[in-house]
Amino acid sequence: LLMLPRVQQNGITVICDLQGTTRNFLRQF
């Protein structure tokens, strides 16, 4: 994404959908 001029200029918006989080993930954190 950082290769793209519009990203370098404007940045990004990230949607982190955590609704699929399980205990397997929590064990890693």
PDB file of all heavy atoms in Angstrom:
ATOM      1  N   LEU A   1       0.826  -1.203   0.000  1.00  0.00           N
ATOM      2  CA  LEU A   1       0.000   0.000   0.000  1.00  0.00           C
ATOM      3  C   LEU A   1       0.865   1.260   0.000  1.00  0.00           C
ATOM      4  O   LEU A   1       0.519   2.260  -0.635  1.00  0.00           O
ATOM      5  CB  LEU A   1      -0.927  -0.001   1.220  1.00  0.00           C
ATOM      6  CG  LEU A   1      -1.996  -1.097   1.229  1.00  0.00           C
ATOM      7  CD1 LEU A   1      -2.802  -1.047   2.522  1.00  0.00           C
ATOM      8  CD2 LEU A   1      -2.928  -0.965   0.024  1.00  0.00           C
ATOM      9  N   LEU A   2       1.994   1.197   0.691  1.00  0.00           N
ATOM     10  CA  LEU A   2       2.880   2.362   0.754  1.00  0.00           C
ATOM     11  C   LEU A   2       3.566   2.662  -0.570  1.00  0.00           C
ATOM     12  O   LEU A   2       4.208   3.708  -0.721  1.00  0.00           O
ATOM     13  CB  LEU A   2       3.927   2.156   1.857  1.00  0.00           C
ATOM     14  CG  LEU A   2       3.413   2.390   3.283  1.00  0.00           C
ATOM     15  CD1 LEU A   2       4.354   1.772   4.310  1.00  0.00           C
ATOM     16  CD2 LEU A   2       3.223   3.882   3.546  1.00  0.00           C
ATOM     17  N   MET A   3       3.421   1.771  -1.531  1.00  0.00           N
ATOM     18  CA  MET A   3       3.912   2.041  -2.873  1.00  0.00           C
ATOM     19  C   MET A   3       2.992   3.005  -3.618  1.00  0.00           C
ATOM     20  O   MET A   3       3.412   3.645  -4.592  1.00  0.00           O
ATOM     21  CB  MET A   3       4.013   0.736  -3.679  1.00  0.00           C
ATOM     22  CG  MET A   3       5.031  -0.252  -3.152  1.00  0.00           C
ATOM     23  SD  MET A   3       4.875  -1.860  -3.978  1.00  0.00           S
ATOM     24  CE  MET A   3       5.182  -1.378  -5.692  1.00  0.00           C
ATOM     25  N   LEU A   4       1.737   3.118  -3.179  1.00  0.00           N
ATOM     26  CA  LEU A   4       0.738   3.886  -3.908  1.00  0.00           C
ATOM     27  C   LEU A   4       0.807   5.367  -3.552  1.00  0.00           C
ATOM     28  O   LEU A   4       0.796   5.725  -2.370  1.00  0.00           O
ATOM     29  CB  LEU A   4      -0.668   3.363  -3.592  1.00  0.00           C
ATOM     30  CG  LEU A   4      -0.913   1.879  -3.873  1.00  0.00           C
ATOM     31  CD1 LEU A   4      -2.306   1.485  -3.412  1.00  0.00           C
ATOM     32  CD2 LEU A   4      -0.730   1.579  -5.360  1.00  0.00           C
ATOM     33  N   PRO A   5       0.878   6.240  -4.536  1.00  0.00           N
ATOM     34  CA  PRO A   5       0.949   7.680  -4.259  1.00  0.00           C
ATOM     35  C   PRO A   5      -0.191   8.173  -3.376  1.00  0.00           C
ATOM     36  O   PRO A   5       0.034   8.986  -2.479  1.00  0.00           O
ATOM     37  CB  PRO A   5       0.883   8.304  -5.659  1.00  0.00           C
ATOM     38  CG  PRO A   5       1.460   7.267  -6.557  1.00  0.00           C
ATOM     39  CD  PRO A   5       1.007   5.949  -5.989  1.00  0.00           C
ATOM     40  N   ARG A   6      -1.420   7.684  -3.601  1.00  0.00           N
ATOM     41  CA  ARG A   6      -2.542   8.187  -2.808  1.00  0.00           C
ATOM     42  C   ARG A   6      -2.430   7.760  -1.345  1.00  0.00           C
ATOM     43  O   ARG A   6      -2.893   8.466  -0.452  1.00  0.00           O
ATOM     44  CB  ARG A   6      -3.881   7.751  -3.396  1.00  0.00           C
ATOM     45  CG  ARG A   6      -4.208   6.280  -3.276  1.00  0.00           C
ATOM     46  CD  ARG A   6      -5.668   6.029  -3.634  1.00  0.00           C
ATOM     47  NE  ARG A   6      -5.949   6.381  -5.012  1.00  0.00           N
ATOM     48  CZ  ARG A   6      -7.155   6.725  -5.459  1.00  0.00           C
ATOM     49  NH1 ARG A   6      -8.174   6.773  -4.639  1.00  0.00           N
ATOM     50  NH2 ARG A   6      -7.339   7.020  -6.726  1.00  0.00           N
ATOM     51  N   VAL A   7      -1.806   6.607  -1.098  1.00  0.00           N
ATOM     52  CA  VAL A   7      -1.596   6.171   0.283  1.00  0.00           C
ATOM     53  C   VAL A   7      -0.490   7.005   0.920  1.00  0.00           C
ATOM     54  O   VAL A   7      -0.595   7.432   2.076  1.00  0.00           O
ATOM     55  CB  VAL A   7      -1.263   4.667   0.358  1.00  0.00           C
ATOM     56  CG1 VAL A   7      -0.770   4.284   1.745  1.00  0.00           C
ATOM     57  CG2 VAL A   7      -2.489   3.843  -0.011  1.00  0.00           C
ATOM     58  N   GLN A   8       0.588   7.249   0.183  1.00  0.00           N
ATOM     59  CA  GLN A   8       1.656   8.091   0.718  1.00  0.00           C
ATOM     60  C   GLN A   8       1.119   9.473   1.085  1.00  0.00           C
ATOM     61  O   GLN A   8       1.506  10.052   2.102  1.00  0.00           O
ATOM     62  CB  GLN A   8       2.789   8.219  -0.298  1.00  0.00           C
ATOM     63  CG  GLN A   8       3.562   6.925  -0.531  1.00  0.00           C
ATOM     64  CD  GLN A   8       4.797   7.131  -1.386  1.00  0.00           C
ATOM     65  OE1 GLN A   8       5.166   8.251  -1.722  1.00  0.00           O
ATOM     66  NE2 GLN A   8       5.454   6.035  -1.745  1.00  0.00           N
ATOM     67  N   GLN A   9       0.210   9.980   0.278  1.00  0.00           N
ATOM     68  CA  GLN A   9      -0.313  11.327   0.492  1.00  0.00           C
ATOM     69  C   GLN A   9      -1.405  11.379   1.560  1.00  0.00           C
ATOM     70  O   GLN A   9      -1.403  12.271   2.413  1.00  0.00           O
ATOM     71  CB  GLN A   9      -0.861  11.882  -0.820  1.00  0.00           C
ATOM     72  CG  GLN A   9       0.208  12.119  -1.872  1.00  0.00           C
ATOM     73  CD  GLN A   9      -0.363  12.290  -3.269  1.00  0.00           C
ATOM     74  OE1 GLN A   9      -1.575  12.398  -3.445  1.00  0.00           O
ATOM     75  NE2 GLN A   9       0.496  12.305  -4.270  1.00  0.00           N
ATOM     76  N   ASN A  10      -2.343  10.412   1.517  1.00  0.00           N
ATOM     77  CA  ASN A  10      -3.549  10.494   2.359  1.00  0.00           C
ATOM     78  C   ASN A  10      -3.594   9.498   3.508  1.00  0.00           C
ATOM     79  O   ASN A  10      -4.418   9.649   4.408  1.00  0.00           O
ATOM     80  CB  ASN A  10      -4.810  10.293   1.499  1.00  0.00           C
ATOM     81  CG  ASN A  10      -4.918  11.294   0.372  1.00  0.00           C
ATOM     82  OD1 ASN A  10      -4.495  12.446   0.514  1.00  0.00           O
ATOM     83  ND2 ASN A  10      -5.467  10.868  -0.755  1.00  0.00           N
ATOM     84  N   GLY A  11      -2.759   8.457   3.463  1.00  0.00           N
ATOM     85  CA  GLY A  11      -2.801   7.442   4.496  1.00  0.00           C
ATOM     86  C   GLY A  11      -3.858   6.385   4.225  1.00  0.00           C
ATOM     87  O   GLY A  11      -4.381   6.270   3.107  1.00  0.00           O
ATOM     88  N   ILE A  12      -4.192   5.608   5.250  1.00  0.00           N
ATOM     89  CA  ILE A  12      -5.157   4.524   5.096  1.00  0.00           C
ATOM     90  C   ILE A  12      -6.165   4.538   6.250  1.00  0.00           C
ATOM     91  O   ILE A  12      -5.902   5.097   7.316  1.00  0.00           O
ATOM     92  CB  ILE A  12      -4.479   3.132   5.061  1.00  0.00           C
ATOM     93  CG1 ILE A  12      -3.705   2.869   6.356  1.00  0.00           C
ATOM     94  CG2 ILE A  12      -3.589   2.992   3.841  1.00  0.00           C
ATOM     95  CD1 ILE A  12      -3.155   1.448   6.463  1.00  0.00           C
ATOM     96  N   THR A  13      -7.293   3.916   6.002  1.00  0.00           N
ATOM     97  CA  THR A  13      -8.273   3.619   7.049  1.00  0.00           C
ATOM     98  C   THR A  13      -8.363   2.109   7.168  1.00  0.00           C
ATOM     99  O   THR A  13      -8.512   1.414   6.159  1.00  0.00           O
ATOM    100  CB  THR A  13      -9.653   4.202   6.707  1.00  0.00           C
ATOM    101  OG1 THR A  13      -9.576   5.636   6.745  1.00  0.00           O
ATOM    102  CG2 THR A  13     -10.711   3.742   7.692  1.00  0.00           C
ATOM    103  N   VAL A  14      -8.229   1.606   8.383  1.00  0.00           N
ATOM    104  CA  VAL A  14      -8.274   0.171   8.622  1.00  0.00           C
ATOM    105  C   VAL A  14      -9.497  -0.162   9.471  1.00  0.00           C
ATOM    106  O   VAL A  14      -9.701   0.431  10.532  1.00  0.00           O
ATOM    107  CB  VAL A  14      -7.009  -0.326   9.354  1.00  0.00           C
ATOM    108  CG1 VAL A  14      -7.057  -1.842   9.532  1.00  0.00           C
ATOM    109  CG2 VAL A  14      -5.758   0.089   8.597  1.00  0.00           C
ATOM    110  N   ILE A  15     -10.307  -1.091   8.992  1.00  0.00           N
ATOM    111  CA  ILE A  15     -11.402  -1.639   9.799  1.00  0.00           C
ATOM    112  C   ILE A  15     -10.931  -2.983  10.337  1.00  0.00           C
ATOM    113  O   ILE A  15     -10.664  -3.907   9.566  1.00  0.00           O
ATOM    114  CB  ILE A  15     -12.690  -1.809   8.977  1.00  0.00           C
ATOM    115  CG1 ILE A  15     -13.225  -0.441   8.546  1.00  0.00           C
ATOM    116  CG2 ILE A  15     -13.745  -2.562   9.791  1.00  0.00           C
ATOM    117  CD1 ILE A  15     -14.475  -0.505   7.678  1.00  0.00           C
ATOM    118  N   CYS A  16     -10.778  -3.076  11.651  1.00  0.00           N
ATOM    119  CA  CYS A  16     -10.394  -4.331  12.305  1.00  0.00           C
ATOM    120  C   CYS A  16     -11.653  -4.972  12.874  1.00  0.00           C
ATOM    121  O   CYS A  16     -12.179  -4.517  13.894  1.00  0.00           O
ATOM    122  CB  CYS A  16      -9.391  -4.076  13.419  1.00  0.00           C
ATOM    123  SG  CYS A  16      -7.791  -3.525  12.858  1.00  0.00           S
ATOM    124  N   ASP A  17     -12.116  -6.001  12.209  1.00  0.00           N
ATOM    125  CA  ASP A  17     -13.320  -6.712  12.648  1.00  0.00           C
ATOM    126  C   ASP A  17     -12.887  -7.844  13.575  1.00  0.00           C
ATOM    127  O   ASP A  17     -12.393  -8.884  13.133  1.00  0.00           O
ATOM    128  CB  ASP A  17     -14.066  -7.254  11.427  1.00  0.00           C
ATOM    129  CG  ASP A  17     -15.391  -7.898  11.793  1.00  0.00           C
ATOM    130  OD1 ASP A  17     -15.599  -8.185  12.984  1.00  0.00           O
ATOM    131  OD2 ASP A  17     -16.203  -8.122  10.876  1.00  0.00           O
ATOM    132  N   LEU A  18     -13.078  -7.646  14.875  1.00  0.00           N
ATOM    133  CA  LEU A  18     -12.644  -8.618  15.878  1.00  0.00           C
ATOM    134  C   LEU A  18     -13.742  -9.603  16.267  1.00  0.00           C
ATOM    135  O   LEU A  18     -13.588 -10.338  17.248  1.00  0.00           O
ATOM    136  CB  LEU A  18     -12.161  -7.882  17.136  1.00  0.00           C
ATOM    137  CG  LEU A  18     -11.041  -6.863  16.937  1.00  0.00           C
ATOM    138  CD1 LEU A  18     -10.626  -6.276  18.290  1.00  0.00           C
ATOM    139  CD2 LEU A  18      -9.847  -7.483  16.232  1.00  0.00           C
ATOM    140  N   GLN A  19     -14.828  -9.633  15.509  1.00  0.00           N
ATOM    141  CA  GLN A  19     -15.964 -10.470  15.887  1.00  0.00           C
ATOM    142  C   GLN A  19     -15.662 -11.960  15.769  1.00  0.00           C
ATOM    143  O   GLN A  19     -16.383 -12.793  16.324  1.00  0.00           O
ATOM    144  CB  GLN A  19     -17.193 -10.106  15.039  1.00  0.00           C
ATOM    145  CG  GLN A  19     -17.664  -8.678  15.295  1.00  0.00           C
ATOM    146  CD  GLN A  19     -18.865  -8.297  14.458  1.00  0.00           C
ATOM    147  OE1 GLN A  19     -19.998  -8.347  14.917  1.00  0.00           O
ATOM    148  NE2 GLN A  19     -18.626  -7.909  13.216  1.00  0.00           N
ATOM    149  N   GLY A  20     -14.574 -12.309  15.065  1.00  0.00           N
ATOM    150  CA  GLY A  20     -14.192 -13.715  14.950  1.00  0.00           C
ATOM    151  C   GLY A  20     -13.120 -14.127  15.947  1.00  0.00           C
ATOM    152  O   GLY A  20     -12.534 -15.203  15.840  1.00  0.00           O
ATOM    153  N   THR A  21     -12.849 -13.265  16.914  1.00  0.00           N
ATOM    154  CA  THR A  21     -11.812 -13.565  17.912  1.00  0.00           C
ATOM    155  C   THR A  21     -12.186 -14.782  18.747  1.00  0.00           C
ATOM    156  O   THR A  21     -13.321 -14.915  19.202  1.00  0.00           O
ATOM    157  CB  THR A  21     -11.600 -12.353  18.838  1.00  0.00           C
ATOM    158  OG1 THR A  21     -11.224 -11.229  18.051  1.00  0.00           O
ATOM    159  CG2 THR A  21     -10.502 -12.637  19.853  1.00  0.00           C
ATOM    160  N   THR A  22     -11.225 -15.677  18.950  1.00  0.00           N
ATOM    161  CA  THR A  22     -11.415 -16.859  19.783  1.00  0.00           C
ATOM    162  C   THR A  22     -10.335 -16.884  20.866  1.00  0.00           C
ATOM    163  O   THR A  22      -9.409 -16.090  20.857  1.00  0.00           O
ATOM    164  CB  THR A  22     -11.298 -18.149  18.943  1.00  0.00           C
ATOM    165  OG1 THR A  22      -9.947 -18.234  18.434  1.00  0.00           O
ATOM    166  CG2 THR A  22     -12.277 -18.152  17.773  1.00  0.00           C
ATOM    167  N   ARG A  23     -10.447 -17.840  21.765  1.00  0.00           N
ATOM    168  CA  ARG A  23      -9.434 -17.982  22.812  1.00  0.00           C
ATOM    169  C   ARG A  23      -8.069 -18.337  22.233  1.00  0.00           C
ATOM    170  O   ARG A  23      -7.039 -18.058  22.846  1.00  0.00           O
ATOM    171  CB  ARG A  23      -9.887 -19.029  23.827  1.00  0.00           C
ATOM    172  CG  ARG A  23     -10.992 -18.531  24.743  1.00  0.00           C
ATOM    173  CD  ARG A  23     -11.439 -19.566  25.764  1.00  0.00           C
ATOM    174  NE  ARG A  23     -12.357 -18.981  26.726  1.00  0.00           N
ATOM    175  CZ  ARG A  23     -13.653 -18.789  26.515  1.00  0.00           C
ATOM    176  NH1 ARG A  23     -14.173 -19.133  25.346  1.00  0.00           N
ATOM    177  NH2 ARG A  23     -14.424 -18.249  27.438  1.00  0.00           N
ATOM    178  N   ASN A  24      -8.047 -18.945  21.046  1.00  0.00           N
ATOM    179  CA  ASN A  24      -6.762 -19.239  20.398  1.00  0.00           C
ATOM    180  C   ASN A  24      -5.994 -17.968  20.099  1.00  0.00           C
ATOM    181  O   ASN A  24      -4.756 -17.935  20.189  1.00  0.00           O
ATOM    182  CB  ASN A  24      -6.983 -20.031  19.111  1.00  0.00           C
ATOM    183  CG  ASN A  24      -7.358 -21.471  19.369  1.00  0.00           C
ATOM    184  OD1 ASN A  24      -6.960 -22.044  20.386  1.00  0.00           O
ATOM    185  ND2 ASN A  24      -8.122 -22.056  18.465  1.00  0.00           N
ATOM    186  N   PHE A  25      -6.715 -16.904  19.737  1.00  0.00           N
ATOM    187  CA  PHE A  25      -6.061 -15.615  19.516  1.00  0.00           C
ATOM    188  C   PHE A  25      -5.583 -15.028  20.848  1.00  0.00           C
ATOM    189  O   PHE A  25      -4.460 -14.543  20.955  1.00  0.00           O
ATOM    190  CB  PHE A  25      -7.025 -14.630  18.850  1.00  0.00           C
ATOM    191  CG  PHE A  25      -7.098 -14.755  17.361  1.00  0.00           C
ATOM    192  CD1 PHE A  25      -8.201 -15.340  16.755  1.00  0.00           C
ATOM    193  CD2 PHE A  25      -6.079 -14.280  16.553  1.00  0.00           C
ATOM    194  CE1 PHE A  25      -8.272 -15.458  15.379  1.00  0.00           C
ATOM    195  CE2 PHE A  25      -6.141 -14.390  15.168  1.00  0.00           C
ATOM    196  CZ  PHE A  25      -7.241 -14.984  14.582  1.00  0.00           C
ATOM    197  N   LEU A  26      -6.448 -15.070  21.849  1.00  0.00           N
ATOM    198  CA  LEU A  26      -6.108 -14.445  23.126  1.00  0.00           C
ATOM    199  C   LEU A  26      -4.862 -15.064  23.742  1.00  0.00           C
ATOM    200  O   LEU A  26      -4.096 -14.369  24.416  1.00  0.00           O
ATOM    201  CB  LEU A  26      -7.290 -14.568  24.098  1.00  0.00           C
ATOM    202  CG  LEU A  26      -8.570 -13.820  23.694  1.00  0.00           C
ATOM    203  CD1 LEU A  26      -9.638 -13.999  24.759  1.00  0.00           C
ATOM    204  CD2 LEU A  26      -8.295 -12.343  23.459  1.00  0.00           C
ATOM    205  N   ARG A  27      -4.636 -16.348  23.496  1.00  0.00           N
ATOM    206  CA  ARG A  27      -3.453 -17.015  24.035  1.00  0.00           C
ATOM    207  C   ARG A  27      -2.162 -16.427  23.471  1.00  0.00           C
ATOM    208  O   ARG A  27      -1.097 -16.551  24.060  1.00  0.00           O
ATOM    209  CB  ARG A  27      -3.502 -18.517  23.733  1.00  0.00           C
ATOM    210  CG  ARG A  27      -4.595 -19.267  24.479  1.00  0.00           C
ATOM    211  CD  ARG A  27      -4.448 -20.774  24.301  1.00  0.00           C
ATOM    212  NE  ARG A  27      -5.596 -21.476  24.843  1.00  0.00           N
ATOM    213  CZ  ARG A  27      -6.600 -21.988  24.125  1.00  0.00           C
ATOM    214  NH1 ARG A  27      -6.578 -21.868  22.807  1.00  0.00           N
ATOM    215  NH2 ARG A  27      -7.601 -22.607  24.702  1.00  0.00           N
ATOM    216  N   GLN A  28      -2.254 -15.821  22.295  1.00  0.00           N
ATOM    217  CA  GLN A  28      -1.060 -15.278  21.635  1.00  0.00           C
ATOM    218  C   GLN A  28      -0.699 -13.877  22.124  1.00  0.00           C
ATOM    219  O   GLN A  28       0.424 -13.424  21.946  1.00  0.00           O
ATOM    220  CB  GLN A  28      -1.281 -15.214  20.114  1.00  0.00           C
ATOM    221  CG  GLN A  28      -1.856 -16.471  19.478  1.00  0.00           C
ATOM    222  CD  GLN A  28      -0.909 -17.646  19.558  1.00  0.00           C
ATOM    223  OE1 GLN A  28       0.308 -17.485  19.489  1.00  0.00           O
ATOM    224  NE2 GLN A  28      -1.458 -18.848  19.705  1.00  0.00           N
ATOM    225  N   PHE A  29      -1.675 -13.189  22.712  1.00  0.00           N
ATOM    226  CA  PHE A  29      -1.515 -11.762  22.980  1.00  0.00           C
ATOM    227  C   PHE A  29      -0.881 -11.508  24.348  1.00  0.00           C
ATOM    228  O   PHE A  29      -1.505 -10.965  25.250  1.00  0.00           O
ATOM    229  CB  PHE A  29      -2.869 -11.049  22.874  1.00  0.00           C
ATOM    230  CG  PHE A  29      -3.503 -11.137  21.513  1.00  0.00           C
ATOM    231  CD1 PHE A  29      -4.875 -11.023  21.362  1.00  0.00           C
ATOM    232  CD2 PHE A  29      -2.727 -11.332  20.374  1.00  0.00           C
ATOM    233  CE1 PHE A  29      -5.468 -11.102  20.114  1.00  0.00           C
ATOM    234  CE2 PHE A  29      -3.310 -11.415  19.121  1.00  0.00           C
ATOM    235  CZ  PHE A  29      -4.678 -11.300  18.987  1.00  0.00           C
TER     236      PHE A  29
END
